[in-house]
Amino acid sequence: RIFDALAQALWAQTPFAASCPQPRLPRPRLDSPCLGTMAISKASNILFVVGSLLSLAGIICIIVGTVAGDQAGKIDWKATDQSSFTLTVSGDHCGFSLYMKRGGDCDSVYSNTVINGPEGKSSAGFLGGGDINFYKDCRIDDTSEMEKEENLMVLGHFYIPEKSGTKNSLTGDYKVRSSANLWAMDVCAEFVEAVGGIMAMLGLLALAIALIVIGLILCCVGCCCLQSGKGGQ
């Protein structure tokens, strides 16, 4: 309508307006092939950009998931390379694993390692009735990357006794003394962290796959739209 009004105003100013009818000027078609191709091209670009961003987000998720998996495999030692140290238990607990350097006399180190806990409980004379269960392992596990990298072997494991009259773990400080330097690992905490790290890694990998697949689909749709637009010219 604006176009028609402008044409009429211009024609009225000419000397032919009184004797000649106003010519009908061609109006631009909004559905012309040129305008349609431009719209298709814009939609294709949007699809390409969104698809690329989703694929990039998927790749980032893969990287983050890989890092999370690596972190899950690392040990958070509660004591490192010490012959005397204290381990604190603040709730229900499943115990600690003790490690020593490979090449030492494991049997001798085990015999000279004592754990003293709250309420006078001790691992001394465990096989003869000690309060704290301290089991000897003295095993070299070549399948464990951590043990191979640190050049360690398992000395043994001790478990937290129950508090008198309850089924709860006896909380407090557990003092470890040994004839050799030891490393202590919190069994419960490492298990929870490992499972949590693996689950996080799997979740991120699943999300990454979904994002990449959706991104590739959008790119394919954009390509198809672009080809369709070229075919209609």
C-alpha atoms as a PDB file:
ATOM      1  CA  ARG A   1       0.000   0.000   0.000  1.00  0.00           C
ATOM      2  CA  ILE A   2       2.786   2.442   0.744  1.00  0.00           C
ATOM      3  CA  PHE A   3       4.312   1.590  -2.614  1.00  0.00           C
ATOM      4  CA  ASP A   4       0.985   2.301  -4.452  1.00  0.00           C
ATOM      5  CA  ALA A   5       0.437   5.638  -2.642  1.00  0.00           C
ATOM      6  CA  LEU A   6       3.967   6.784  -3.499  1.00  0.00           C
ATOM      7  CA  ALA A   7       3.438   5.907  -7.194  1.00  0.00           C
ATOM      8  CA  GLN A   8       0.125   7.805  -7.305  1.00  0.00           C
ATOM      9  CA  ALA A   9       1.669  10.918  -5.745  1.00  0.00           C
ATOM     10  CA  LEU A  10       4.509  10.951  -8.264  1.00  0.00           C
ATOM     11  CA  TRP A  11       2.152  10.422 -11.228  1.00  0.00           C
ATOM     12  CA  ALA A  12      -0.060  13.308 -10.121  1.00  0.00           C
ATOM     13  CA  GLN A  13       2.870  15.696 -10.540  1.00  0.00           C
ATOM     14  CA  THR A  14       3.392  14.807 -14.218  1.00  0.00           C
ATOM     15  CA  PRO A  15       1.687  16.710 -17.161  1.00  0.00           C
ATOM     16  CA  PHE A  16       0.150  13.443 -18.366  1.00  0.00           C
ATOM     17  CA  ALA A  17      -1.868  12.816 -15.228  1.00  0.00           C
ATOM     18  CA  ALA A  18      -5.030  14.544 -16.624  1.00  0.00           C
ATOM     19  CA  SER A  19      -5.134  12.723 -19.975  1.00  0.00           C
ATOM     20  CA  CYS A  20      -3.490   9.351 -19.374  1.00  0.00           C
ATOM     21  CA  PRO A  21      -4.361   6.718 -16.824  1.00  0.00           C
ATOM     22  CA  GLN A  22      -1.774   5.878 -14.196  1.00  0.00           C
ATOM     23  CA  PRO A  23       0.364   2.935 -15.332  1.00  0.00           C
ATOM     24  CA  ARG A  24       0.482  -0.090 -13.049  1.00  0.00           C
ATOM     25  CA  LEU A  25       4.049  -0.443 -11.833  1.00  0.00           C
ATOM     26  CA  PRO A  26       5.302  -3.935 -10.959  1.00  0.00           C
ATOM     27  CA  ARG A  27       5.367  -4.644  -7.214  1.00  0.00           C
ATOM     28  CA  PRO A  28       8.189  -6.621  -5.703  1.00  0.00           C
ATOM     29  CA  ARG A  29       7.206 -10.180  -4.837  1.00  0.00           C
ATOM     30  CA  LEU A  30       7.945 -11.233  -1.272  1.00  0.00           C
ATOM     31  CA  ASP A  31       7.925 -14.830  -2.397  1.00  0.00           C
ATOM     32  CA  SER A  32      10.483 -14.299  -5.141  1.00  0.00           C
ATOM     33  CA  PRO A  33      13.215 -16.981  -5.554  1.00  0.00           C
ATOM     34  CA  CYS A  34      15.873 -14.465  -4.527  1.00  0.00           C
ATOM     35  CA  LEU A  35      14.230 -13.649  -1.191  1.00  0.00           C
ATOM     36  CA  GLY A  36      13.469 -17.346  -0.555  1.00  0.00           C
ATOM     37  CA  THR A  37      17.085 -18.307  -1.177  1.00  0.00           C
ATOM     38  CA  MET A  38      18.263 -15.616   1.227  1.00  0.00           C
ATOM     39  CA  ALA A  39      15.956 -16.946   3.958  1.00  0.00           C
ATOM     40  CA  ILE A  40      17.134 -20.513   3.375  1.00  0.00           C
ATOM     41  CA  SER A  41      20.772 -19.423   3.453  1.00  0.00           C
ATOM     42  CA  LYS A  42      20.236 -17.590   6.760  1.00  0.00           C
ATOM     43  CA  ALA A  43      18.496 -20.624   8.302  1.00  0.00           C
ATOM     44  CA  SER A  44      21.341 -22.868   7.112  1.00  0.00           C
ATOM     45  CA  ASN A  45      23.942 -20.587   8.692  1.00  0.00           C
ATOM     46  CA  ILE A  46      22.059 -20.620  11.988  1.00  0.00           C
ATOM     47  CA  LEU A  47      21.879 -24.415  11.916  1.00  0.00           C
ATOM     48  CA  PHE A  48      25.605 -24.661  11.120  1.00  0.00           C
ATOM     49  CA  VAL A  49      26.513 -22.315  14.000  1.00  0.00           C
ATOM     50  CA  VAL A  50      24.282 -24.071  16.545  1.00  0.00           C
ATOM     51  CA  GLY A  51      25.455 -27.507  15.403  1.00  0.00           C
ATOM     52  CA  SER A  52      29.108 -26.468  15.630  1.00  0.00           C
ATOM     53  CA  LEU A  53      28.627 -25.019  19.132  1.00  0.00           C
ATOM     54  CA  LEU A  54      26.923 -28.194  20.341  1.00  0.00           C
ATOM     55  CA  SER A  55      29.701 -30.340  18.868  1.00  0.00           C
ATOM     56  CA  LEU A  56      32.311 -28.124  20.539  1.00  0.00           C
ATOM     57  CA  ALA A  57      30.469 -28.450  23.875  1.00  0.00           C
ATOM     58  CA  GLY A  58      30.509 -32.229  23.404  1.00  0.00           C
ATOM     59  CA  ILE A  59      34.267 -32.227  22.836  1.00  0.00           C
ATOM     60  CA  ILE A  60      34.759 -30.114  25.973  1.00  0.00           C
ATOM     61  CA  CYS A  61      32.644 -32.610  27.943  1.00  0.00           C
ATOM     62  CA  ILE A  62      34.873 -35.440  26.716  1.00  0.00           C
ATOM     63  CA  ILE A  63      37.979 -33.587  27.899  1.00  0.00           C
ATOM     64  CA  VAL A  64      36.431 -32.809  31.296  1.00  0.00           C
ATOM     65  CA  GLY A  65      35.247 -36.414  31.659  1.00  0.00           C
ATOM     66  CA  THR A  66      38.721 -37.731  30.891  1.00  0.00           C
ATOM     67  CA  VAL A  67      40.263 -35.430  33.492  1.00  0.00           C
ATOM     68  CA  ALA A  68      37.639 -36.509  36.047  1.00  0.00           C
ATOM     69  CA  GLY A  69      38.459 -40.157  35.353  1.00  0.00           C
ATOM     70  CA  ASP A  70      42.173 -39.512  35.849  1.00  0.00           C
ATOM     71  CA  GLN A  71      41.532 -37.698  39.122  1.00  0.00           C
ATOM     72  CA  ALA A  72      39.410 -40.611  40.343  1.00  0.00           C
ATOM     73  CA  GLY A  73      42.422 -42.902  39.982  1.00  0.00           C
ATOM     74  CA  LYS A  74      44.681 -40.763  42.171  1.00  0.00           C
ATOM     75  CA  ILE A  75      45.145 -41.680  45.822  1.00  0.00           C
ATOM     76  CA  ASP A  76      44.564 -39.105  48.550  1.00  0.00           C
ATOM     77  CA  TRP A  77      47.075 -40.427  51.063  1.00  0.00           C
ATOM     78  CA  LYS A  78      46.294 -39.783  54.722  1.00  0.00           C
ATOM     79  CA  ALA A  79      49.963 -40.283  55.599  1.00  0.00           C
ATOM     80  CA  THR A  80      53.013 -40.472  53.350  1.00  0.00           C
ATOM     81  CA  ASP A  81      56.514 -41.820  54.026  1.00  0.00           C
ATOM     82  CA  GLN A  82      56.273 -41.608  57.829  1.00  0.00           C
ATOM     83  CA  SER A  83      57.072 -44.091  60.560  1.00  0.00           C
ATOM     84  CA  SER A  84      54.774 -42.420  63.108  1.00  0.00           C
ATOM     85  CA  PHE A  85      51.505 -40.629  62.341  1.00  0.00           C
ATOM     86  CA  THR A  86      47.933 -40.155  63.524  1.00  0.00           C
ATOM     87  CA  LEU A  87      44.751 -41.052  61.618  1.00  0.00           C
ATOM     88  CA  THR A  88      41.490 -39.439  62.740  1.00  0.00           C
ATOM     89  CA  VAL A  89      38.142 -41.210  62.493  1.00  0.00           C
ATOM     90  CA  SER A  90      35.066 -38.992  62.867  1.00  0.00           C
ATOM     91  CA  GLY A  91      32.248 -41.379  61.898  1.00  0.00           C
ATOM     92  CA  ASP A  92      31.439 -44.890  60.762  1.00  0.00           C
ATOM     93  CA  HIS A  93      34.510 -46.185  59.019  1.00  0.00           C
ATOM     94  CA  CYS A  94      35.767 -49.322  57.284  1.00  0.00           C
ATOM     95  CA  GLY A  95      39.453 -48.904  58.083  1.00  0.00           C
ATOM     96  CA  PHE A  96      42.809 -48.086  56.522  1.00  0.00           C
ATOM     97  CA  SER A  97      45.322 -49.840  54.286  1.00  0.00           C
ATOM     98  CA  LEU A  98      49.018 -49.443  55.101  1.00  0.00           C
ATOM     99  CA  TYR A  99      51.729 -49.551  52.434  1.00  0.00           C
ATOM    100  CA  MET A 100      55.521 -49.772  52.574  1.00  0.00           C
ATOM    101  CA  LYS A 101      58.347 -49.495  50.061  1.00  0.00           C
ATOM    102  CA  ARG A 102      59.049 -52.586  47.998  1.00  0.00           C
ATOM    103  CA  GLY A 103      62.209 -54.492  48.797  1.00  0.00           C
ATOM    104  CA  GLY A 104      61.898 -54.274  52.587  1.00  0.00           C
ATOM    105  CA  ASP A 105      61.315 -57.133  55.043  1.00  0.00           C
ATOM    106  CA  CYS A 106      57.518 -57.045  55.144  1.00  0.00           C
ATOM    107  CA  ASP A 107      57.149 -59.678  57.874  1.00  0.00           C
ATOM    108  CA  SER A 108      59.517 -57.789  60.155  1.00  0.00           C
ATOM    109  CA  VAL A 109      57.820 -54.438  59.481  1.00  0.00           C
ATOM    110  CA  TYR A 110      54.418 -55.968  60.206  1.00  0.00           C
ATOM    111  CA  SER A 111      55.629 -57.400  63.500  1.00  0.00           C
ATOM    112  CA  ASN A 112      56.976 -53.986  64.508  1.00  0.00           C
ATOM    113  CA  THR A 113      53.896 -51.964  63.542  1.00  0.00           C
ATOM    114  CA  VAL A 114      51.420 -51.069  66.273  1.00  0.00           C
ATOM    115  CA  ILE A 115      48.144 -49.091  66.104  1.00  0.00           C
ATOM    116  CA  ASN A 116      46.908 -47.489  69.322  1.00  0.00           C
ATOM    117  CA  GLY A 117      43.343 -46.171  69.355  1.00  0.00           C
ATOM    118  CA  PRO A 118      40.869 -44.478  71.704  1.00  0.00           C
ATOM    119  CA  GLU A 119      39.777 -46.106  74.986  1.00  0.00           C
ATOM    120  CA  GLY A 120      43.146 -47.849  75.258  1.00  0.00           C
ATOM    121  CA  LYS A 121      42.484 -50.148  72.313  1.00  0.00           C
ATOM    122  CA  SER A 122      45.524 -51.456  70.455  1.00  0.00           C
ATOM    123  CA  SER A 123      46.573 -53.852  67.724  1.00  0.00           C
ATOM    124  CA  ALA A 124      49.384 -55.200  69.897  1.00  0.00           C
ATOM    125  CA  GLY A 125      49.018 -58.949  70.200  1.00  0.00           C
ATOM    126  CA  PHE A 126      46.210 -58.915  67.630  1.00  0.00           C
ATOM    127  CA  LEU A 127      46.520 -62.621  66.850  1.00  0.00           C
ATOM    128  CA  GLY A 128      46.433 -63.243  70.561  1.00  0.00           C
ATOM    129  CA  GLY A 129      43.414 -61.072  71.213  1.00  0.00           C
ATOM    130  CA  GLY A 130      44.285 -57.459  70.323  1.00  0.00           C
ATOM    131  CA  ASP A 131      41.427 -54.926  70.214  1.00  0.00           C
ATOM    132  CA  ILE A 132      42.194 -53.551  66.727  1.00  0.00           C
ATOM    133  CA  ASN A 133      42.144 -56.059  63.894  1.00  0.00           C
ATOM    134  CA  PHE A 134      45.355 -55.573  61.927  1.00  0.00           C
ATOM    135  CA  TYR A 135      45.731 -58.125  59.126  1.00  0.00           C
ATOM    136  CA  LYS A 136      49.011 -58.782  57.334  1.00  0.00           C
ATOM    137  CA  ASP A 137      49.021 -58.728  53.541  1.00  0.00           C
ATOM    138  CA  CYS A 138      52.660 -58.367  52.391  1.00  0.00           C
ATOM    139  CA  ARG A 139      51.599 -58.570  48.748  1.00  0.00           C
ATOM    140  CA  ILE A 140      53.078 -56.988  45.630  1.00  0.00           C
ATOM    141  CA  ASP A 141      50.388 -56.165  43.087  1.00  0.00           C
ATOM    142  CA  ASP A 142      51.960 -55.523  39.679  1.00  0.00           C
ATOM    143  CA  THR A 143      48.512 -54.865  38.183  1.00  0.00           C
ATOM    144  CA  SER A 144      48.173 -51.713  40.287  1.00  0.00           C
ATOM    145  CA  GLU A 145      49.562 -48.698  38.421  1.00  0.00           C
ATOM    146  CA  MET A 146      49.605 -46.695  41.643  1.00  0.00           C
ATOM    147  CA  GLU A 147      51.763 -49.252  43.474  1.00  0.00           C
ATOM    148  CA  LYS A 148      54.127 -49.574  40.517  1.00  0.00           C
ATOM    149  CA  GLU A 149      54.533 -45.814  40.128  1.00  0.00           C
ATOM    150  CA  GLU A 150      55.085 -45.269  43.864  1.00  0.00           C
ATOM    151  CA  ASN A 151      57.172 -48.465  44.210  1.00  0.00           C
ATOM    152  CA  LEU A 152      54.944 -49.604  47.078  1.00  0.00           C
ATOM    153  CA  MET A 153      53.518 -52.858  48.370  1.00  0.00           C
ATOM    154  CA  VAL A 154      50.627 -53.594  50.711  1.00  0.00           C
ATOM    155  CA  LEU A 155      51.731 -54.157  54.299  1.00  0.00           C
ATOM    156  CA  GLY A 156      48.300 -54.807  55.762  1.00  0.00           C
ATOM    157  CA  HIS A 157      44.880 -53.463  56.710  1.00  0.00           C
ATOM    158  CA  PHE A 158      43.398 -52.489  60.055  1.00  0.00           C
ATOM    159  CA  TYR A 159      39.725 -52.054  60.801  1.00  0.00           C
ATOM    160  CA  ILE A 160      38.056 -49.642  63.187  1.00  0.00           C
ATOM    161  CA  PRO A 161      36.584 -51.385  66.258  1.00  0.00           C
ATOM    162  CA  GLU A 162      33.051 -50.754  67.451  1.00  0.00           C
ATOM    163  CA  LYS A 163      32.326 -48.390  70.271  1.00  0.00           C
ATOM    164  CA  SER A 164      31.509 -50.248  73.471  1.00  0.00           C
ATOM    165  CA  GLY A 165      27.853 -51.200  73.634  1.00  0.00           C
ATOM    166  CA  THR A 166      27.067 -49.982  70.090  1.00  0.00           C
ATOM    167  CA  LYS A 167      27.407 -51.003  66.457  1.00  0.00           C
ATOM    168  CA  ASN A 168      29.041 -47.683  65.569  1.00  0.00           C
ATOM    169  CA  SER A 169      32.722 -47.195  64.793  1.00  0.00           C
ATOM    170  CA  LEU A 170      34.897 -46.001  67.655  1.00  0.00           C
ATOM    171  CA  THR A 171      35.768 -42.442  66.674  1.00  0.00           C
ATOM    172  CA  GLY A 172      38.930 -40.627  67.661  1.00  0.00           C
ATOM    173  CA  ASP A 173      42.648 -40.662  66.898  1.00  0.00           C
ATOM    174  CA  TYR A 174      44.505 -43.813  65.865  1.00  0.00           C
ATOM    175  CA  LYS A 175      48.272 -43.524  66.281  1.00  0.00           C
ATOM    176  CA  VAL A 176      50.435 -45.712  64.052  1.00  0.00           C
ATOM    177  CA  ARG A 177      54.051 -46.533  64.932  1.00  0.00           C
ATOM    178  CA  SER A 178      56.309 -48.704  62.802  1.00  0.00           C
ATOM    179  CA  SER A 179      59.956 -49.629  62.238  1.00  0.00           C
ATOM    180  CA  ALA A 180      59.678 -48.451  58.596  1.00  0.00           C
ATOM    181  CA  ASN A 181      58.130 -45.510  56.831  1.00  0.00           C
ATOM    182  CA  LEU A 182      54.550 -46.202  55.784  1.00  0.00           C
ATOM    183  CA  TRP A 183      51.779 -44.781  53.615  1.00  0.00           C
ATOM    184  CA  ALA A 184      48.140 -44.839  54.796  1.00  0.00           C
ATOM    185  CA  MET A 185      45.058 -44.939  52.562  1.00  0.00           C
ATOM    186  CA  ASP A 186      41.472 -44.352  53.695  1.00  0.00           C
ATOM    187  CA  VAL A 187      39.696 -47.379  52.180  1.00  0.00           C
ATOM    188  CA  CYS A 188      36.148 -45.995  52.462  1.00  0.00           C
ATOM    189  CA  ALA A 189      36.965 -42.536  51.126  1.00  0.00           C
ATOM    190  CA  GLU A 190      38.964 -43.864  48.159  1.00  0.00           C
ATOM    191  CA  PHE A 191      36.169 -46.254  47.203  1.00  0.00           C
ATOM    192  CA  VAL A 192      33.545 -43.490  47.307  1.00  0.00           C
ATOM    193  CA  GLU A 193      35.762 -41.077  45.365  1.00  0.00           C
ATOM    194  CA  ALA A 194      36.599 -43.704  42.745  1.00  0.00           C
ATOM    195  CA  VAL A 195      32.947 -44.627  42.189  1.00  0.00           C
ATOM    196  CA  GLY A 196      31.897 -40.966  42.135  1.00  0.00           C
ATOM    197  CA  GLY A 197      34.644 -40.081  39.660  1.00  0.00           C
ATOM    198  CA  ILE A 198      33.772 -42.959  37.343  1.00  0.00           C
ATOM    199  CA  MET A 199      30.063 -42.096  37.425  1.00  0.00           C
ATOM    200  CA  ALA A 200      30.835 -38.452  36.693  1.00  0.00           C
ATOM    201  CA  MET A 201      33.065 -39.470  33.807  1.00  0.00           C
ATOM    202  CA  LEU A 202      30.429 -41.772  32.320  1.00  0.00           C
ATOM    203  CA  GLY A 203      27.749 -39.091  32.706  1.00  0.00           C
ATOM    204  CA  LEU A 204      29.887 -36.486  30.941  1.00  0.00           C
ATOM    205  CA  LEU A 205      30.777 -38.917  28.151  1.00  0.00           C
ATOM    206  CA  ALA A 206      27.091 -39.735  27.607  1.00  0.00           C
ATOM    207  CA  LEU A 207      26.262 -36.020  27.511  1.00  0.00           C
ATOM    208  CA  ALA A 208      29.151 -35.413  25.114  1.00  0.00           C
ATOM    209  CA  ILE A 209      27.945 -38.104  22.714  1.00  0.00           C
ATOM    210  CA  ALA A 210      24.413 -36.683  22.769  1.00  0.00           C
ATOM    211  CA  LEU A 211      25.653 -33.137  22.088  1.00  0.00           C
ATOM    212  CA  ILE A 212      27.913 -34.228  19.249  1.00  0.00           C
ATOM    213  CA  VAL A 213      25.180 -36.320  17.629  1.00  0.00           C
ATOM    214  CA  ILE A 214      22.664 -33.460  17.842  1.00  0.00           C
ATOM    215  CA  GLY A 215      25.274 -31.028  16.502  1.00  0.00           C
ATOM    216  CA  LEU A 216      26.038 -33.267  13.519  1.00  0.00           C
ATOM    217  CA  ILE A 217      22.330 -33.685  12.788  1.00  0.00           C
ATOM    218  CA  LEU A 218      21.831 -29.901  12.785  1.00  0.00           C
ATOM    219  CA  CYS A 219      24.798 -29.454  10.457  1.00  0.00           C
ATOM    220  CA  CYS A 220      23.372 -32.097   8.099  1.00  0.00           C
ATOM    221  CA  VAL A 221      19.968 -30.405   8.133  1.00  0.00           C
ATOM    222  CA  GLY A 222      21.620 -27.057   7.403  1.00  0.00           C
ATOM    223  CA  CYS A 223      23.508 -28.599   4.491  1.00  0.00           C
ATOM    224  CA  CYS A 224      20.306 -30.120   3.104  1.00  0.00           C
ATOM    225  CA  CYS A 225      18.497 -26.766   3.394  1.00  0.00           C
ATOM    226  CA  LEU A 226      21.343 -25.029   1.579  1.00  0.00           C
ATOM    227  CA  GLN A 227      21.298 -27.567  -1.250  1.00  0.00           C
ATOM    228  CA  SER A 228      17.530 -27.268  -1.483  1.00  0.00           C
ATOM    229  CA  GLY A 229      17.806 -23.481  -1.757  1.00  0.00           C
ATOM    230  CA  LYS A 230      20.389 -23.743  -4.539  1.00  0.00           C
ATOM    231  CA  GLY A 231      18.203 -26.212  -6.406  1.00  0.00           C
ATOM    232  CA  GLY A 232      15.254 -23.792  -6.312  1.00  0.00           C
ATOM    233  CA  GLN A 233      17.112 -20.890  -7.934  1.00  0.00           C
END
